[in-house]
Amino acid sequence: MINNFTCAGENSSFGIYRFDFAGLGVPGLKAQWTYVKGQDIRGIGNATTGRYSEWESDYRLDYAIKSGSLKGLGFSLRRGNYRTELPTSTAQDQDQTRFYINYTYSLW
């Protein structure tokens, strides 16, 4: 959500967990957690020595109305936390919260 983990020399690993609440009687509600860790980043700019690491944890909660007059209306709440050891001149820790409203309809 925040970073792309493509720095020079970087090795990235990630994990994703998803859960659909339809099995618990709440159709249209879904949750997801993603974690990415990048390691062995070569120094950048003035910080050419050493190796650095960074990580990001993203949370997502989606709800889509499945029937009725508001069918196709969806909401998505997303939260991202990014942390880095890179010098602040090249990257900074970030936290973002986003809220989306979607409406899907058929043209034909």
N, C-alpha and C. Protein backbone atom coordinates (compact mmCIF):
# COMPACT_ATOMS: atom_id res chain seq x y z
N MET A 1 0.83 -1.19 0.00
CA MET A 1 0.00 0.00 0.00
C MET A 1 0.87 1.25 0.00
N ILE A 2 2.00 1.21 0.72
CA ILE A 2 2.84 2.40 0.85
C ILE A 2 4.13 2.26 0.04
N ASN A 3 4.82 1.13 0.17
CA ASN A 3 6.14 0.98 -0.43
C ASN A 3 6.13 -0.16 -1.46
N ASN A 4 7.11 -0.13 -2.38
CA ASN A 4 7.16 -1.17 -3.41
C ASN A 4 8.29 -2.18 -3.21
N PHE A 5 9.18 -1.99 -2.23
CA PHE A 5 10.23 -2.93 -1.86
C PHE A 5 11.10 -3.32 -3.06
N THR A 6 11.64 -2.33 -3.75
CA THR A 6 12.48 -2.57 -4.92
C THR A 6 13.82 -1.85 -4.82
N CYS A 7 14.36 -1.69 -3.64
CA CYS A 7 15.66 -1.03 -3.48
C CYS A 7 16.78 -1.96 -3.95
N ALA A 8 17.93 -1.38 -4.24
CA ALA A 8 19.08 -2.14 -4.71
C ALA A 8 19.49 -3.20 -3.69
N GLY A 9 19.62 -4.44 -4.16
CA GLY A 9 20.05 -5.54 -3.30
C GLY A 9 18.99 -6.08 -2.36
N GLU A 10 17.79 -5.53 -2.40
CA GLU A 10 16.76 -5.91 -1.43
C GLU A 10 16.18 -7.29 -1.71
N ASN A 11 16.07 -8.07 -0.66
CA ASN A 11 15.37 -9.36 -0.71
C ASN A 11 14.11 -9.23 0.12
N SER A 12 12.98 -9.50 -0.49
CA SER A 12 11.69 -9.31 0.19
C SER A 12 10.99 -10.64 0.42
N SER A 13 10.29 -10.73 1.52
CA SER A 13 9.42 -11.87 1.80
C SER A 13 8.11 -11.33 2.34
N PHE A 14 7.04 -12.07 2.12
CA PHE A 14 5.74 -11.56 2.54
C PHE A 14 4.81 -12.69 2.94
N GLY A 15 3.76 -12.31 3.63
CA GLY A 15 2.71 -13.23 4.00
C GLY A 15 1.37 -12.52 3.93
N ILE A 16 0.33 -13.27 3.56
CA ILE A 16 -1.02 -12.71 3.45
C ILE A 16 -1.99 -13.65 4.16
N TYR A 17 -2.89 -13.07 4.93
CA TYR A 17 -3.96 -13.84 5.55
C TYR A 17 -5.28 -13.16 5.18
N ARG A 18 -6.23 -13.94 4.68
CA ARG A 18 -7.55 -13.42 4.31
C ARG A 18 -8.63 -14.22 5.04
N PHE A 19 -9.70 -13.52 5.35
CA PHE A 19 -10.83 -14.18 5.99
C PHE A 19 -12.13 -13.63 5.43
N ASP A 20 -13.02 -14.54 5.02
CA ASP A 20 -14.34 -14.18 4.51
C ASP A 20 -15.36 -14.50 5.61
N PHE A 21 -16.07 -13.48 6.05
CA PHE A 21 -17.03 -13.64 7.14
C PHE A 21 -18.36 -14.24 6.71
N ALA A 22 -18.51 -14.60 5.45
CA ALA A 22 -19.76 -15.20 4.98
C ALA A 22 -20.07 -16.48 5.75
N GLY A 23 -19.05 -17.23 6.08
CA GLY A 23 -19.24 -18.46 6.85
C GLY A 23 -19.76 -18.22 8.25
N LEU A 24 -19.61 -17.01 8.74
CA LEU A 24 -20.12 -16.65 10.07
C LEU A 24 -21.45 -15.91 9.99
N GLY A 25 -22.03 -15.87 8.78
CA GLY A 25 -23.33 -15.24 8.61
C GLY A 25 -23.29 -13.77 8.25
N VAL A 26 -22.14 -13.27 7.82
CA VAL A 26 -22.02 -11.86 7.40
C VAL A 26 -21.51 -11.83 5.96
N PRO A 27 -22.40 -12.11 4.99
CA PRO A 27 -21.95 -12.10 3.59
C PRO A 27 -21.53 -10.69 3.15
N GLY A 28 -20.46 -10.63 2.39
CA GLY A 28 -19.97 -9.36 1.89
C GLY A 28 -18.88 -8.73 2.74
N LEU A 29 -18.61 -9.28 3.93
CA LEU A 29 -17.56 -8.74 4.80
C LEU A 29 -16.31 -9.60 4.67
N LYS A 30 -15.18 -8.95 4.35
CA LYS A 30 -13.92 -9.65 4.19
C LYS A 30 -12.81 -8.85 4.87
N ALA A 31 -11.82 -9.57 5.39
CA ALA A 31 -10.67 -8.93 6.04
C ALA A 31 -9.40 -9.51 5.45
N GLN A 32 -8.35 -8.70 5.43
CA GLN A 32 -7.07 -9.16 4.92
C GLN A 32 -5.94 -8.47 5.68
N TRP A 33 -4.87 -9.22 5.95
CA TRP A 33 -3.66 -8.68 6.56
C TRP A 33 -2.48 -9.10 5.70
N THR A 34 -1.63 -8.16 5.35
CA THR A 34 -0.44 -8.41 4.54
C THR A 34 0.78 -7.87 5.28
N TYR A 35 1.84 -8.67 5.29
CA TYR A 35 3.09 -8.24 5.91
C TYR A 35 4.22 -8.47 4.91
N VAL A 36 5.05 -7.44 4.70
CA VAL A 36 6.19 -7.53 3.80
C VAL A 36 7.43 -7.06 4.54
N LYS A 37 8.52 -7.82 4.42
CA LYS A 37 9.79 -7.42 5.03
C LYS A 37 10.87 -7.45 3.96
N GLY A 38 11.59 -6.34 3.84
CA GLY A 38 12.71 -6.25 2.92
C GLY A 38 14.01 -6.16 3.70
N GLN A 39 15.02 -6.95 3.28
CA GLN A 39 16.30 -6.98 3.98
C GLN A 39 17.45 -6.84 2.99
N ASP A 40 18.62 -6.57 3.52
CA ASP A 40 19.85 -6.47 2.74
C ASP A 40 19.84 -5.32 1.73
N ILE A 41 19.17 -4.23 2.07
CA ILE A 41 19.14 -3.06 1.18
C ILE A 41 20.51 -2.41 1.22
N ARG A 42 21.07 -2.18 0.05
CA ARG A 42 22.36 -1.49 -0.01
C ARG A 42 22.17 -0.02 0.34
N GLY A 43 23.20 0.59 0.91
CA GLY A 43 23.15 2.01 1.24
C GLY A 43 22.80 2.86 0.03
N ILE A 44 22.07 3.94 0.26
CA ILE A 44 21.57 4.80 -0.81
C ILE A 44 22.09 6.22 -0.59
N GLY A 45 22.44 6.91 -1.67
CA GLY A 45 22.87 8.31 -1.55
C GLY A 45 24.13 8.44 -0.73
N ASN A 46 24.10 9.29 0.29
CA ASN A 46 25.26 9.50 1.15
C ASN A 46 25.50 8.32 2.09
N ALA A 47 24.52 7.48 2.24
CA ALA A 47 24.64 6.33 3.15
C ALA A 47 24.99 5.09 2.33
N THR A 48 26.21 5.06 1.77
CA THR A 48 26.59 3.97 0.87
C THR A 48 27.14 2.76 1.59
N THR A 49 27.36 2.85 2.88
CA THR A 49 27.86 1.70 3.62
C THR A 49 26.73 1.09 4.44
N GLY A 50 26.90 -0.18 4.73
CA GLY A 50 25.92 -0.85 5.58
C GLY A 50 24.77 -1.46 4.80
N ARG A 51 24.00 -2.24 5.51
CA ARG A 51 22.80 -2.88 4.96
C ARG A 51 21.63 -2.47 5.83
N TYR A 52 20.51 -2.28 5.21
CA TYR A 52 19.32 -1.79 5.91
C TYR A 52 18.15 -2.74 5.68
N SER A 53 17.11 -2.55 6.47
CA SER A 53 15.89 -3.34 6.29
C SER A 53 14.68 -2.42 6.44
N GLU A 54 13.54 -2.92 6.00
CA GLU A 54 12.27 -2.19 6.10
C GLU A 54 11.15 -3.20 6.15
N TRP A 55 10.01 -2.78 6.68
CA TRP A 55 8.84 -3.67 6.71
C TRP A 55 7.57 -2.84 6.58
N GLU A 56 6.51 -3.52 6.17
CA GLU A 56 5.20 -2.89 6.05
C GLU A 56 4.13 -3.89 6.47
N SER A 57 3.14 -3.40 7.18
CA SER A 57 2.01 -4.20 7.60
C SER A 57 0.73 -3.48 7.16
N ASP A 58 -0.09 -4.15 6.37
CA ASP A 58 -1.31 -3.56 5.83
C ASP A 58 -2.53 -4.35 6.29
N TYR A 59 -3.54 -3.61 6.69
CA TYR A 59 -4.81 -4.20 7.12
C TYR A 59 -5.90 -3.68 6.20
N ARG A 60 -6.84 -4.55 5.86
CA ARG A 60 -7.92 -4.16 4.96
C ARG A 60 -9.21 -4.82 5.42
N LEU A 61 -10.28 -4.02 5.47
CA LEU A 61 -11.60 -4.50 5.82
C LEU A 61 -12.56 -4.01 4.75
N ASP A 62 -13.21 -4.96 4.05
CA ASP A 62 -14.10 -4.64 2.94
C ASP A 62 -15.51 -5.13 3.24
N TYR A 63 -16.47 -4.33 2.84
CA TYR A 63 -17.87 -4.74 2.94
C TYR A 63 -18.60 -4.34 1.67
N ALA A 64 -19.31 -5.29 1.08
CA ALA A 64 -20.10 -5.03 -0.13
C ALA A 64 -21.53 -5.48 0.12
N ILE A 65 -22.48 -4.62 -0.19
CA ILE A 65 -23.90 -4.95 -0.04
C ILE A 65 -24.28 -5.91 -1.16
N LYS A 66 -24.84 -7.04 -0.82
CA LYS A 66 -25.10 -8.11 -1.77
C LYS A 66 -26.50 -8.12 -2.37
N SER A 67 -27.45 -7.41 -1.75
CA SER A 67 -28.82 -7.44 -2.28
C SER A 67 -29.54 -6.16 -1.91
N GLY A 68 -30.70 -5.99 -2.51
CA GLY A 68 -31.52 -4.81 -2.21
C GLY A 68 -31.22 -3.65 -3.14
N SER A 69 -31.80 -2.51 -2.82
CA SER A 69 -31.66 -1.34 -3.69
C SER A 69 -30.24 -0.77 -3.68
N LEU A 70 -29.44 -1.08 -2.69
CA LEU A 70 -28.06 -0.60 -2.64
C LEU A 70 -27.05 -1.67 -3.06
N LYS A 71 -27.54 -2.72 -3.73
CA LYS A 71 -26.65 -3.77 -4.20
C LYS A 71 -25.57 -3.16 -5.09
N GLY A 72 -24.33 -3.55 -4.85
CA GLY A 72 -23.21 -3.02 -5.61
C GLY A 72 -22.44 -1.93 -4.88
N LEU A 73 -22.99 -1.46 -3.76
CA LEU A 73 -22.31 -0.44 -2.97
C LEU A 73 -21.31 -1.14 -2.04
N GLY A 74 -20.08 -0.63 -2.02
CA GLY A 74 -19.05 -1.25 -1.21
C GLY A 74 -18.22 -0.23 -0.47
N PHE A 75 -17.66 -0.66 0.62
CA PHE A 75 -16.81 0.19 1.45
C PHE A 75 -15.51 -0.56 1.74
N SER A 76 -14.42 0.16 1.79
CA SER A 76 -13.14 -0.45 2.08
C SER A 76 -12.35 0.47 3.01
N LEU A 77 -11.92 -0.07 4.14
CA LEU A 77 -11.09 0.65 5.10
C LEU A 77 -9.71 0.00 5.08
N ARG A 78 -8.67 0.80 4.84
CA ARG A 78 -7.32 0.26 4.73
C ARG A 78 -6.38 1.04 5.65
N ARG A 79 -5.49 0.30 6.26
CA ARG A 79 -4.50 0.90 7.16
C ARG A 79 -3.14 0.31 6.81
N GLY A 80 -2.14 1.17 6.63
CA GLY A 80 -0.79 0.72 6.32
C GLY A 80 0.21 1.34 7.28
N ASN A 81 1.15 0.53 7.75
CA ASN A 81 2.24 0.99 8.61
C ASN A 81 3.55 0.57 7.96
N TYR A 82 4.41 1.54 7.70
CA TYR A 82 5.70 1.28 7.06
C TYR A 82 6.82 1.77 7.97
N ARG A 83 7.83 0.93 8.18
CA ARG A 83 8.97 1.28 9.00
C ARG A 83 10.25 0.93 8.25
N THR A 84 11.24 1.80 8.36
CA THR A 84 12.50 1.61 7.65
C THR A 84 13.69 2.00 8.51
N GLU A 85 14.81 1.36 8.23
CA GLU A 85 16.08 1.74 8.85
C GLU A 85 16.87 2.67 7.95
N LEU A 86 16.39 2.91 6.73
CA LEU A 86 17.09 3.79 5.80
C LEU A 86 17.18 5.19 6.36
N PRO A 87 18.22 5.93 6.03
CA PRO A 87 18.33 7.31 6.50
C PRO A 87 17.11 8.14 6.09
N THR A 88 16.73 9.10 6.91
CA THR A 88 15.52 9.88 6.64
C THR A 88 15.63 10.71 5.37
N SER A 89 16.83 10.88 4.82
CA SER A 89 16.96 11.61 3.57
C SER A 89 16.44 10.81 2.38
N THR A 90 16.35 9.48 2.53
CA THR A 90 15.87 8.65 1.43
C THR A 90 14.49 8.06 1.67
N ALA A 91 14.14 7.79 2.91
CA ALA A 91 12.83 7.20 3.22
C ALA A 91 12.46 7.54 4.66
N GLN A 92 11.18 7.60 4.93
CA GLN A 92 10.71 7.88 6.28
C GLN A 92 9.61 6.91 6.66
N ASP A 93 9.49 6.67 7.97
CA ASP A 93 8.38 5.86 8.46
C ASP A 93 7.07 6.56 8.09
N GLN A 94 6.08 5.75 7.74
CA GLN A 94 4.78 6.31 7.36
C GLN A 94 3.65 5.46 7.92
N ASP A 95 2.54 6.13 8.21
CA ASP A 95 1.29 5.48 8.58
C ASP A 95 0.20 6.11 7.73
N GLN A 96 -0.63 5.29 7.10
CA GLN A 96 -1.71 5.81 6.27
C GLN A 96 -3.00 5.07 6.59
N THR A 97 -4.09 5.81 6.58
CA THR A 97 -5.42 5.24 6.69
C THR A 97 -6.22 5.75 5.51
N ARG A 98 -6.88 4.83 4.81
CA ARG A 98 -7.67 5.21 3.63
C ARG A 98 -9.06 4.60 3.74
N PHE A 99 -10.04 5.34 3.23
CA PHE A 99 -11.42 4.86 3.21
C PHE A 99 -11.95 5.05 1.79
N TYR A 100 -12.44 3.97 1.18
CA TYR A 100 -12.95 4.01 -0.18
C TYR A 100 -14.44 3.66 -0.18
N ILE A 101 -15.17 4.33 -1.06
CA ILE A 101 -16.56 3.98 -1.32
C ILE A 101 -16.65 3.63 -2.80
N ASN A 102 -17.18 2.46 -3.09
CA ASN A 102 -17.29 1.98 -4.48
C ASN A 102 -18.74 1.68 -4.80
N TYR A 103 -19.07 1.89 -6.06
CA TYR A 103 -20.40 1.47 -6.53
C TYR A 103 -20.22 0.83 -7.89
N THR A 104 -20.67 -0.41 -8.00
CA THR A 104 -20.55 -1.17 -9.24
C THR A 104 -21.93 -1.32 -9.86
N TYR A 105 -22.01 -1.03 -11.15
CA TYR A 105 -23.27 -1.21 -11.87
C TYR A 105 -22.97 -1.67 -13.28
N SER A 106 -23.96 -2.28 -13.91
CA SER A 106 -23.81 -2.81 -15.25
C SER A 106 -24.32 -1.79 -16.27
N LEU A 107 -23.52 -1.53 -17.29
CA LEU A 107 -23.94 -0.61 -18.34
C LEU A 107 -24.83 -1.29 -19.39
N TRP A 108 -24.57 -2.56 -19.63
CA TRP A 108 -25.36 -3.27 -20.64
C TRP A 108 -25.97 -4.49 -20.06
